[in-house]
Amino acid sequence: MAKTKVQVGDRFTTVGGYPTIWTIEREIHGPTVTPHFQLSQEGQPSRVKTLSESVLLDANQYRKLTSATTAAA
């Protein structure tokens, strides 16, 4: 299996609109071509969603945060 570019613990913010921060909680293994991940919203951990790695890495939809960046950056 190829190494994914997204890892558990990575944080992403939405692009455009209200900047919501999402944290990768786990990778979902299955017969899909693209890895999928379960994310939870920072500050509201009961709000979860599942996205593919390709969606998370699409600069028009999400931006990966580093430990030094914040959603406002």
C-alpha atoms as a PDB file:
ATOM      1  CA  MET A   1       0.000   0.000   0.000  1.00  0.00           C
ATOM      2  CA  ALA A   2       1.340   3.454  -0.898  1.00  0.00           C
ATOM      3  CA  LYS A   3       2.078   5.863   1.938  1.00  0.00           C
ATOM      4  CA  THR A   4      -0.613   8.504   2.291  1.00  0.00           C
ATOM      5  CA  LYS A   5       0.104  12.231   2.444  1.00  0.00           C
ATOM      6  CA  VAL A   6      -2.433  12.667   5.235  1.00  0.00           C
ATOM      7  CA  GLN A   7      -1.801  11.279   8.711  1.00  0.00           C
ATOM      8  CA  VAL A   8      -3.815  10.866  11.905  1.00  0.00           C
ATOM      9  CA  GLY A   9      -3.496  14.091  13.902  1.00  0.00           C
ATOM     10  CA  ASP A  10      -3.150  16.364  10.849  1.00  0.00           C
ATOM     11  CA  ARG A  11      -5.321  19.472  10.942  1.00  0.00           C
ATOM     12  CA  PHE A  12      -7.108  21.080   7.995  1.00  0.00           C
ATOM     13  CA  THR A  13      -9.163  24.224   7.581  1.00  0.00           C
ATOM     14  CA  THR A  14     -11.891  24.833   5.066  1.00  0.00           C
ATOM     15  CA  VAL A  15     -11.175  27.256   2.216  1.00  0.00           C
ATOM     16  CA  GLY A  16     -13.702  30.046   1.738  1.00  0.00           C
ATOM     17  CA  GLY A  17     -16.579  30.784   4.020  1.00  0.00           C
ATOM     18  CA  TYR A  18     -16.281  30.272   7.760  1.00  0.00           C
ATOM     19  CA  PRO A  19     -12.840  28.789   8.593  1.00  0.00           C
ATOM     20  CA  THR A  20     -13.656  25.505  10.317  1.00  0.00           C
ATOM     21  CA  ILE A  21     -10.751  23.405  11.607  1.00  0.00           C
ATOM     22  CA  TRP A  22     -10.921  19.624  11.244  1.00  0.00           C
ATOM     23  CA  THR A  23      -8.571  17.046  12.789  1.00  0.00           C
ATOM     24  CA  ILE A  24      -7.856  13.629  11.262  1.00  0.00           C
ATOM     25  CA  GLU A  25      -8.987  11.027  13.808  1.00  0.00           C
ATOM     26  CA  ARG A  26      -8.458   7.807  11.870  1.00  0.00           C
ATOM     27  CA  GLU A  27      -7.829   6.302   8.468  1.00  0.00           C
ATOM     28  CA  ILE A  28     -10.615   4.175   7.073  1.00  0.00           C
ATOM     29  CA  HIS A  29      -9.378   1.078   5.308  1.00  0.00           C
ATOM     30  CA  GLY A  30     -11.463  -0.393   2.578  1.00  0.00           C
ATOM     31  CA  PRO A  31     -11.500  -1.440  -1.047  1.00  0.00           C
ATOM     32  CA  THR A  32     -11.253   2.152  -2.254  1.00  0.00           C
ATOM     33  CA  VAL A  33      -8.526   3.419  -4.550  1.00  0.00           C
ATOM     34  CA  THR A  34      -8.063   6.631  -2.568  1.00  0.00           C
ATOM     35  CA  PRO A  35      -7.521   6.523   1.211  1.00  0.00           C
ATOM     36  CA  HIS A  36     -10.376   7.952   3.296  1.00  0.00           C
ATOM     37  CA  PHE A  37     -10.216   9.599   6.706  1.00  0.00           C
ATOM     38  CA  GLN A  38     -12.604  10.359   9.542  1.00  0.00           C
ATOM     39  CA  LEU A  39     -12.301  13.931  10.791  1.00  0.00           C
ATOM     40  CA  SER A  40     -13.726  15.712  13.810  1.00  0.00           C
ATOM     41  CA  GLN A  41     -14.338  19.429  14.144  1.00  0.00           C
ATOM     42  CA  GLU A  42     -12.017  21.198  16.555  1.00  0.00           C
ATOM     43  CA  GLY A  43     -14.034  22.357  19.560  1.00  0.00           C
ATOM     44  CA  GLN A  44     -16.980  20.094  18.617  1.00  0.00           C
ATOM     45  CA  PRO A  45     -15.578  16.540  18.573  1.00  0.00           C
ATOM     46  CA  SER A  46     -19.017  14.991  18.146  1.00  0.00           C
ATOM     47  CA  ARG A  47     -19.241  16.609  14.695  1.00  0.00           C
ATOM     48  CA  VAL A  48     -17.511  14.167  12.351  1.00  0.00           C
ATOM     49  CA  LYS A  49     -17.245  13.538   8.629  1.00  0.00           C
ATOM     50  CA  THR A  50     -15.433  11.236   6.247  1.00  0.00           C
ATOM     51  CA  LEU A  51     -13.430  12.561   3.302  1.00  0.00           C
ATOM     52  CA  SER A  52     -11.058  11.117   0.747  1.00  0.00           C
ATOM     53  CA  GLU A  53      -7.399  12.078   0.742  1.00  0.00           C
ATOM     54  CA  SER A  54      -7.831  13.696  -2.676  1.00  0.00           C
ATOM     55  CA  VAL A  55     -10.529  16.041  -1.316  1.00  0.00           C
ATOM     56  CA  LEU A  56      -8.370  16.995   1.681  1.00  0.00           C
ATOM     57  CA  LEU A  57      -5.431  17.764  -0.611  1.00  0.00           C
ATOM     58  CA  ASP A  58      -7.548  19.835  -3.026  1.00  0.00           C
ATOM     59  CA  ALA A  59      -6.378  23.423  -2.409  1.00  0.00           C
ATOM     60  CA  ASN A  60      -9.792  24.726  -3.518  1.00  0.00           C
ATOM     61  CA  GLN A  61     -11.499  22.944  -0.609  1.00  0.00           C
ATOM     62  CA  TYR A  62      -9.063  22.467   2.294  1.00  0.00           C
ATOM     63  CA  ARG A  63      -5.725  23.784   3.512  1.00  0.00           C
ATOM     64  CA  LYS A  64      -3.443  21.690   5.715  1.00  0.00           C
ATOM     65  CA  LEU A  65      -2.352  23.464   8.873  1.00  0.00           C
ATOM     66  CA  THR A  66       1.105  23.077  10.309  1.00  0.00           C
ATOM     67  CA  SER A  67       1.810  23.399  14.013  1.00  0.00           C
ATOM     68  CA  ALA A  68       2.840  27.018  13.369  1.00  0.00           C
ATOM     69  CA  THR A  69      -0.252  28.039  11.376  1.00  0.00           C
ATOM     70  CA  THR A  70      -3.750  28.900  12.477  1.00  0.00           C
ATOM     71  CA  ALA A  71      -7.027  29.109  10.586  1.00  0.00           C
ATOM     72  CA  ALA A  72      -6.654  32.883  10.271  1.00  0.00           C
ATOM     73  CA  ALA A  73      -3.272  32.610   8.514  1.00  0.00           C
END
